[in-house]
Amino acid sequence: PQRKNGYLVMCEVLNADGTAHESNGRAT
């Protein structure tokens, strides 16, 4: 809502191999 042509994208953090990072609470 604060940017022209903008979107907010919530993300999960993954390791480089595509597995869930240990800090990724959503993936648990």
ModelCIF file with pLDDT and N, C-alpha, C, O atoms, coordinates in Angstrom:
data_MODEL
#
_entry.id   MODEL 
#
_entity.id                         1 
_entity.type                       polymer 
_entity.pdbx_number_of_molecules   1 
#
_entity_poly.entity_id                      1 
_entity_poly.type                           'polypeptide(L)' 
_entity_poly.nstd_linkage                   no 
_entity_poly.nstd_monomer                   no 
_entity_poly.pdbx_seq_one_letter_code       PQRKNGYLVMCEVLNADGTAHESNGRAT 
_entity_poly.pdbx_seq_one_letter_code_can   PQRKNGYLVMCEVLNADGTAHESNGRAT 
_entity_poly.pdbx_strand_id                 A 
#
loop_
_entity_poly_seq.entity_id 
_entity_poly_seq.num 
_entity_poly_seq.mon_id 
_entity_poly_seq.hetero 
1 1  PRO n 
1 2  GLN n 
1 3  ARG n 
1 4  LYS n 
1 5  ASN n 
1 6  GLY n 
1 7  TYR n 
1 8  LEU n 
1 9  VAL n 
1 10 MET n 
1 11 CYS n 
1 12 GLU n 
1 13 VAL n 
1 14 LEU n 
1 15 ASN n 
1 16 ALA n 
1 17 ASP n 
1 18 GLY n 
1 19 THR n 
1 20 ALA n 
1 21 HIS n 
1 22 GLU n 
1 23 SER n 
1 24 ASN n 
1 25 GLY n 
1 26 ARG n 
1 27 ALA n 
1 28 THR n 
#
_struct_asym.id          A 
_struct_asym.entity_id   1 
#
loop_
_ma_qa_metric.id 
_ma_qa_metric.mode 
_ma_qa_metric.name 
_ma_qa_metric.software_group_id 
_ma_qa_metric.type 
1 global pLDDT . pLDDT 
2 local  pLDDT . pLDDT 
#
_ma_qa_metric_global.metric_id      1 
_ma_qa_metric_global.metric_value   97.00 
_ma_qa_metric_global.model_id       1 
_ma_qa_metric_global.ordinal_id     1 
#
loop_
_ma_qa_metric_local.label_asym_id 
_ma_qa_metric_local.label_comp_id 
_ma_qa_metric_local.label_seq_id 
_ma_qa_metric_local.metric_id 
_ma_qa_metric_local.metric_value 
_ma_qa_metric_local.model_id 
_ma_qa_metric_local.ordinal_id 
A PRO 1  2 97.00 1 1  
A GLN 2  2 96.00 1 2  
A ARG 3  2 97.00 1 3  
A LYS 4  2 96.00 1 4  
A ASN 5  2 97.00 1 5  
A GLY 6  2 98.00 1 6  
A TYR 7  2 98.00 1 7  
A LEU 8  2 98.00 1 8  
A VAL 9  2 98.00 1 9  
A MET 10 2 98.00 1 10 
A CYS 11 2 98.00 1 11 
A GLU 12 2 98.00 1 12 
A VAL 13 2 98.00 1 13 
A LEU 14 2 98.00 1 14 
A ASN 15 2 96.00 1 15 
A ALA 16 2 95.00 1 16 
A ASP 17 2 95.00 1 17 
A GLY 18 2 96.00 1 18 
A THR 19 2 97.00 1 19 
A ALA 20 2 97.00 1 20 
A HIS 21 2 98.00 1 21 
A GLU 22 2 97.00 1 22 
A SER 23 2 97.00 1 23 
A ASN 24 2 98.00 1 24 
A GLY 25 2 97.00 1 25 
A ARG 26 2 98.00 1 26 
A ALA 27 2 96.00 1 27 
A THR 28 2 94.00 1 28 
#
loop_
_atom_site.group_PDB 
_atom_site.id 
_atom_site.type_symbol 
_atom_site.label_atom_id 
_atom_site.label_alt_id 
_atom_site.label_comp_id 
_atom_site.label_asym_id 
_atom_site.label_entity_id 
_atom_site.label_seq_id 
_atom_site.pdbx_PDB_ins_code 
_atom_site.Cartn_x 
_atom_site.Cartn_y 
_atom_site.Cartn_z 
_atom_site.occupancy 
_atom_site.B_iso_or_equiv 
_atom_site.pdbx_formal_charge 
_atom_site.auth_seq_id 
_atom_site.auth_comp_id 
_atom_site.auth_asym_id 
_atom_site.auth_atom_id 
_atom_site.pdbx_PDB_model_num 
ATOM 1   N N  . PRO A 1 1  ? 0.795  -1.230  0.000  1.00 97.00 ? 1  PRO A N  1 
ATOM 2   C CA . PRO A 1 1  ? 0.000  0.000   0.000  1.00 97.00 ? 1  PRO A CA 1 
ATOM 3   C C  . PRO A 1 1  ? 0.825  1.275   0.000  1.00 97.00 ? 1  PRO A C  1 
ATOM 4   O O  . PRO A 1 1  ? 0.283  2.368   -0.168 1.00 97.00 ? 1  PRO A O  1 
ATOM 5   N N  . GLN A 1 2  ? 2.132  1.142   0.188  1.00 96.00 ? 2  GLN A N  1 
ATOM 6   C CA . GLN A 1 2  ? 2.983  2.332   0.294  1.00 96.00 ? 2  GLN A CA 1 
ATOM 7   C C  . GLN A 1 2  ? 3.859  2.553   -0.938 1.00 96.00 ? 2  GLN A C  1 
ATOM 8   O O  . GLN A 1 2  ? 4.704  3.449   -0.951 1.00 96.00 ? 2  GLN A O  1 
ATOM 9   N N  . ARG A 1 3  ? 3.658  1.738   -1.969 1.00 97.00 ? 3  ARG A N  1 
ATOM 10  C CA . ARG A 1 3  ? 4.474  1.843   -3.166 1.00 97.00 ? 3  ARG A CA 1 
ATOM 11  C C  . ARG A 1 3  ? 3.623  1.744   -4.415 1.00 97.00 ? 3  ARG A C  1 
ATOM 12  O O  . ARG A 1 3  ? 2.656  0.983   -4.460 1.00 97.00 ? 3  ARG A O  1 
ATOM 13  N N  . LYS A 1 4  ? 3.980  2.503   -5.413 1.00 96.00 ? 4  LYS A N  1 
ATOM 14  C CA . LYS A 1 4  ? 3.335  2.400   -6.705 1.00 96.00 ? 4  LYS A CA 1 
ATOM 15  C C  . LYS A 1 4  ? 3.753  1.093   -7.376 1.00 96.00 ? 4  LYS A C  1 
ATOM 16  O O  . LYS A 1 4  ? 4.938  0.767   -7.437 1.00 96.00 ? 4  LYS A O  1 
ATOM 17  N N  . ASN A 1 5  ? 2.774  0.357   -7.875 1.00 97.00 ? 5  ASN A N  1 
ATOM 18  C CA . ASN A 1 5  ? 3.039  -0.935  -8.531 1.00 97.00 ? 5  ASN A CA 1 
ATOM 19  C C  . ASN A 1 5  ? 3.854  -1.856  -7.629 1.00 97.00 ? 5  ASN A C  1 
ATOM 20  O O  . ASN A 1 5  ? 4.796  -2.508  -8.081 1.00 97.00 ? 5  ASN A O  1 
ATOM 21  N N  . GLY A 1 6  ? 3.486  -1.904  -6.364 1.00 98.00 ? 6  GLY A N  1 
ATOM 22  C CA . GLY A 1 6  ? 4.250  -2.689  -5.403 1.00 98.00 ? 6  GLY A CA 1 
ATOM 23  C C  . GLY A 1 6  ? 3.481  -3.855  -4.807 1.00 98.00 ? 6  GLY A C  1 
ATOM 24  O O  . GLY A 1 6  ? 2.252  -3.844  -4.741 1.00 98.00 ? 6  GLY A O  1 
ATOM 25  N N  . TYR A 1 7  ? 4.236  -4.869  -4.371 1.00 98.00 ? 7  TYR A N  1 
ATOM 26  C CA . TYR A 1 7  ? 3.679  -6.038  -3.693 1.00 98.00 ? 7  TYR A CA 1 
ATOM 27  C C  . TYR A 1 7  ? 4.583  -6.410  -2.527 1.00 98.00 ? 7  TYR A C  1 
ATOM 28  O O  . TYR A 1 7  ? 5.801  -6.240  -2.588 1.00 98.00 ? 7  TYR A O  1 
ATOM 29  N N  . LEU A 1 8  ? 3.971  -6.918  -1.465 1.00 98.00 ? 8  LEU A N  1 
ATOM 30  C CA . LEU A 1 8  ? 4.713  -7.469  -0.340 1.00 98.00 ? 8  LEU A CA 1 
ATOM 31  C C  . LEU A 1 8  ? 4.674  -8.988  -0.446 1.00 98.00 ? 8  LEU A C  1 
ATOM 32  O O  . LEU A 1 8  ? 3.602  -9.582  -0.554 1.00 98.00 ? 8  LEU A O  1 
ATOM 33  N N  . VAL A 1 9  ? 5.847  -9.614  -0.416 1.00 98.00 ? 9  VAL A N  1 
ATOM 34  C CA . VAL A 1 9  ? 5.953  -11.055 -0.629 1.00 98.00 ? 9  VAL A CA 1 
ATOM 35  C C  . VAL A 1 9  ? 6.625  -11.689 0.588  1.00 98.00 ? 9  VAL A C  1 
ATOM 36  O O  . VAL A 1 9  ? 7.836  -11.564 0.767  1.00 98.00 ? 9  VAL A O  1 
ATOM 37  N N  . MET A 1 10 ? 5.843  -12.367 1.418  1.00 98.00 ? 10 MET A N  1 
ATOM 38  C CA . MET A 1 10 ? 6.408  -13.072 2.568  1.00 98.00 ? 10 MET A CA 1 
ATOM 39  C C  . MET A 1 10 ? 7.056  -14.363 2.083  1.00 98.00 ? 10 MET A C  1 
ATOM 40  O O  . MET A 1 10 ? 6.494  -15.081 1.256  1.00 98.00 ? 10 MET A O  1 
ATOM 41  N N  . CYS A 1 11 ? 8.242  -14.646 2.605  1.00 98.00 ? 11 CYS A N  1 
ATOM 42  C CA . CYS A 1 11 ? 9.013  -15.792 2.116  1.00 98.00 ? 11 CYS A CA 1 
ATOM 43  C C  . CYS A 1 11 ? 9.461  -16.704 3.248  1.00 98.00 ? 11 CYS A C  1 
ATOM 44  O O  . CYS A 1 11 ? 9.651  -16.269 4.384  1.00 98.00 ? 11 CYS A O  1 
ATOM 45  N N  . GLU A 1 12 ? 9.625  -17.969 2.915  1.00 98.00 ? 12 GLU A N  1 
ATOM 46  C CA . GLU A 1 12 ? 10.333 -18.913 3.780  1.00 98.00 ? 12 GLU A CA 1 
ATOM 47  C C  . GLU A 1 12 ? 11.792 -18.930 3.355  1.00 98.00 ? 12 GLU A C  1 
ATOM 48  O O  . GLU A 1 12 ? 12.114 -18.727 2.184  1.00 98.00 ? 12 GLU A O  1 
ATOM 49  N N  . VAL A 1 13 ? 12.670 -19.175 4.320  1.00 98.00 ? 13 VAL A N  1 
ATOM 50  C CA . VAL A 1 13 ? 14.103 -19.287 4.026  1.00 98.00 ? 13 VAL A CA 1 
ATOM 51  C C  . VAL A 1 13 ? 14.468 -20.759 3.864  1.00 98.00 ? 13 VAL A C  1 
ATOM 52  O O  . VAL A 1 13 ? 14.166 -21.596 4.715  1.00 98.00 ? 13 VAL A O  1 
ATOM 53  N N  . LEU A 1 14 ? 15.134 -21.049 2.733  1.00 98.00 ? 14 LEU A N  1 
ATOM 54  C CA . LEU A 1 14 ? 15.591 -22.405 2.452  1.00 98.00 ? 14 LEU A CA 1 
ATOM 55  C C  . LEU A 1 14 ? 17.111 -22.417 2.352  1.00 98.00 ? 14 LEU A C  1 
ATOM 56  O O  . LEU A 1 14 ? 17.739 -21.405 2.043  1.00 98.00 ? 14 LEU A O  1 
ATOM 57  N N  . ASN A 1 15 ? 17.684 -23.581 2.619  1.00 96.00 ? 15 ASN A N  1 
ATOM 58  C CA . ASN A 1 15 ? 19.106 -23.779 2.361  1.00 96.00 ? 15 ASN A CA 1 
ATOM 59  C C  . ASN A 1 15 ? 19.337 -23.842 0.851  1.00 96.00 ? 15 ASN A C  1 
ATOM 60  O O  . ASN A 1 15 ? 18.387 -23.942 0.074  1.00 96.00 ? 15 ASN A O  1 
ATOM 61  N N  . ALA A 1 16 ? 20.579 -23.785 0.454  1.00 95.00 ? 16 ALA A N  1 
ATOM 62  C CA . ALA A 1 16 ? 20.899 -23.786 -0.972 1.00 95.00 ? 16 ALA A CA 1 
ATOM 63  C C  . ALA A 1 16 ? 20.406 -25.046 -1.684 1.00 95.00 ? 16 ALA A C  1 
ATOM 64  O O  . ALA A 1 16 ? 20.168 -25.035 -2.891 1.00 95.00 ? 16 ALA A O  1 
ATOM 65  N N  . ASP A 1 17 ? 20.256 -26.133 -0.919 1.00 95.00 ? 17 ASP A N  1 
ATOM 66  C CA . ASP A 1 17 ? 19.786 -27.383 -1.528 1.00 95.00 ? 17 ASP A CA 1 
ATOM 67  C C  . ASP A 1 17 ? 18.264 -27.490 -1.553 1.00 95.00 ? 17 ASP A C  1 
ATOM 68  O O  . ASP A 1 17 ? 17.724 -28.515 -1.968 1.00 95.00 ? 17 ASP A O  1 
ATOM 69  N N  . GLY A 1 18 ? 17.574 -26.451 -1.118 1.00 96.00 ? 18 GLY A N  1 
ATOM 70  C CA . GLY A 1 18 ? 16.116 -26.436 -1.165 1.00 96.00 ? 18 GLY A CA 1 
ATOM 71  C C  . GLY A 1 18 ? 15.422 -26.946 0.074  1.00 96.00 ? 18 GLY A C  1 
ATOM 72  O O  . GLY A 1 18 ? 14.194 -26.922 0.147  1.00 96.00 ? 18 GLY A O  1 
ATOM 73  N N  . THR A 1 19 ? 16.184 -27.408 1.056  1.00 97.00 ? 19 THR A N  1 
ATOM 74  C CA . THR A 1 19 ? 15.574 -27.840 2.312  1.00 97.00 ? 19 THR A CA 1 
ATOM 75  C C  . THR A 1 19 ? 15.308 -26.635 3.205  1.00 97.00 ? 19 THR A C  1 
ATOM 76  O O  . THR A 1 19 ? 15.915 -25.578 3.037  1.00 97.00 ? 19 THR A O  1 
ATOM 77  N N  . ALA A 1 20 ? 14.397 -26.806 4.150  1.00 97.00 ? 20 ALA A N  1 
ATOM 78  C CA . ALA A 1 20 ? 14.038 -25.705 5.031  1.00 97.00 ? 20 ALA A CA 1 
ATOM 79  C C  . ALA A 1 20 ? 15.213 -25.337 5.932  1.00 97.00 ? 20 ALA A C  1 
ATOM 80  O O  . ALA A 1 20 ? 15.847 -26.212 6.521  1.00 97.00 ? 20 ALA A O  1 
ATOM 81  N N  . HIS A 1 21 ? 15.499 -24.051 6.038  1.00 98.00 ? 21 HIS A N  1 
ATOM 82  C CA . HIS A 1 21 ? 16.549 -23.578 6.929  1.00 98.00 ? 21 HIS A CA 1 
ATOM 83  C C  . HIS A 1 21 ? 16.095 -23.747 8.379  1.00 98.00 ? 21 HIS A C  1 
ATOM 84  O O  . HIS A 1 21 ? 14.897 -23.701 8.661  1.00 98.00 ? 21 HIS A O  1 
ATOM 85  N N  . GLU A 1 22 ? 17.028 -23.939 9.285  1.00 97.00 ? 22 GLU A N  1 
ATOM 86  C CA . GLU A 1 22 ? 16.673 -24.160 10.684 1.00 97.00 ? 22 GLU A CA 1 
ATOM 87  C C  . GLU A 1 22 ? 15.944 -22.968 11.300 1.00 97.00 ? 22 GLU A C  1 
ATOM 88  O O  . GLU A 1 22 ? 15.256 -23.126 12.308 1.00 97.00 ? 22 GLU A O  1 
ATOM 89  N N  . SER A 1 23 ? 16.080 -21.786 10.715 1.00 97.00 ? 23 SER A N  1 
ATOM 90  C CA . SER A 1 23 ? 15.403 -20.596 11.222 1.00 97.00 ? 23 SER A CA 1 
ATOM 91  C C  . SER A 1 23 ? 13.977 -20.459 10.695 1.00 97.00 ? 23 SER A C  1 
ATOM 92  O O  . SER A 1 23 ? 13.257 -19.536 11.074 1.00 97.00 ? 23 SER A O  1 
ATOM 93  N N  . ASN A 1 24 ? 13.576 -21.372 9.828  1.00 98.00 ? 24 ASN A N  1 
ATOM 94  C CA . ASN A 1 24 ? 12.285 -21.302 9.134  1.00 98.00 ? 24 ASN A CA 1 
ATOM 95  C C  . ASN A 1 24 ? 11.176 -21.898 9.998  1.00 98.00 ? 24 ASN A C  1 
ATOM 96  O O  . ASN A 1 24 ? 10.913 -23.098 9.932  1.00 98.00 ? 24 ASN A O  1 
ATOM 97  N N  . GLY A 1 25 ? 10.530 -21.064 10.804 1.00 97.00 ? 25 GLY A N  1 
ATOM 98  C CA . GLY A 1 25 ? 9.473  -21.546 11.688 1.00 97.00 ? 25 GLY A CA 1 
ATOM 99  C C  . GLY A 1 25 ? 8.230  -21.982 10.940 1.00 97.00 ? 25 GLY A C  1 
ATOM 100 O O  . GLY A 1 25 ? 7.536  -22.902 11.374 1.00 97.00 ? 25 GLY A O  1 
ATOM 101 N N  . ARG A 1 26 ? 7.944  -21.344 9.835  1.00 98.00 ? 26 ARG A N  1 
ATOM 102 C CA . ARG A 1 26 ? 6.742  -21.694 9.063  1.00 98.00 ? 26 ARG A CA 1 
ATOM 103 C C  . ARG A 1 26 ? 6.813  -23.123 8.548  1.00 98.00 ? 26 ARG A C  1 
ATOM 104 O O  . ARG A 1 26 ? 5.806  -23.829 8.507  1.00 98.00 ? 26 ARG A O  1 
ATOM 105 N N  . ALA A 1 27 ? 8.026  -23.548 8.151  1.00 96.00 ? 27 ALA A N  1 
ATOM 106 C CA . ALA A 1 27 ? 8.195  -24.889 7.594  1.00 96.00 ? 27 ALA A CA 1 
ATOM 107 C C  . ALA A 1 27 ? 8.034  -25.983 8.649  1.00 96.00 ? 27 ALA A C  1 
ATOM 108 O O  . ALA A 1 27 ? 7.878  -27.155 8.307  1.00 96.00 ? 27 ALA A O  1 
ATOM 109 N N  . THR A 1 28 ? 8.072  -25.606 9.930  1.00 94.00 ? 28 THR A N  1 
ATOM 110 C CA . THR A 1 28 ? 7.930  -26.605 10.999 1.00 94.00 ? 28 THR A CA 1 
ATOM 111 C C  . THR A 1 28 ? 6.471  -26.876 11.339 1.00 94.00 ? 28 THR A C  1 
ATOM 112 O O  . THR A 1 28 ? 6.183  -27.691 12.216 1.00 94.00 ? 28 THR A O  1 
#
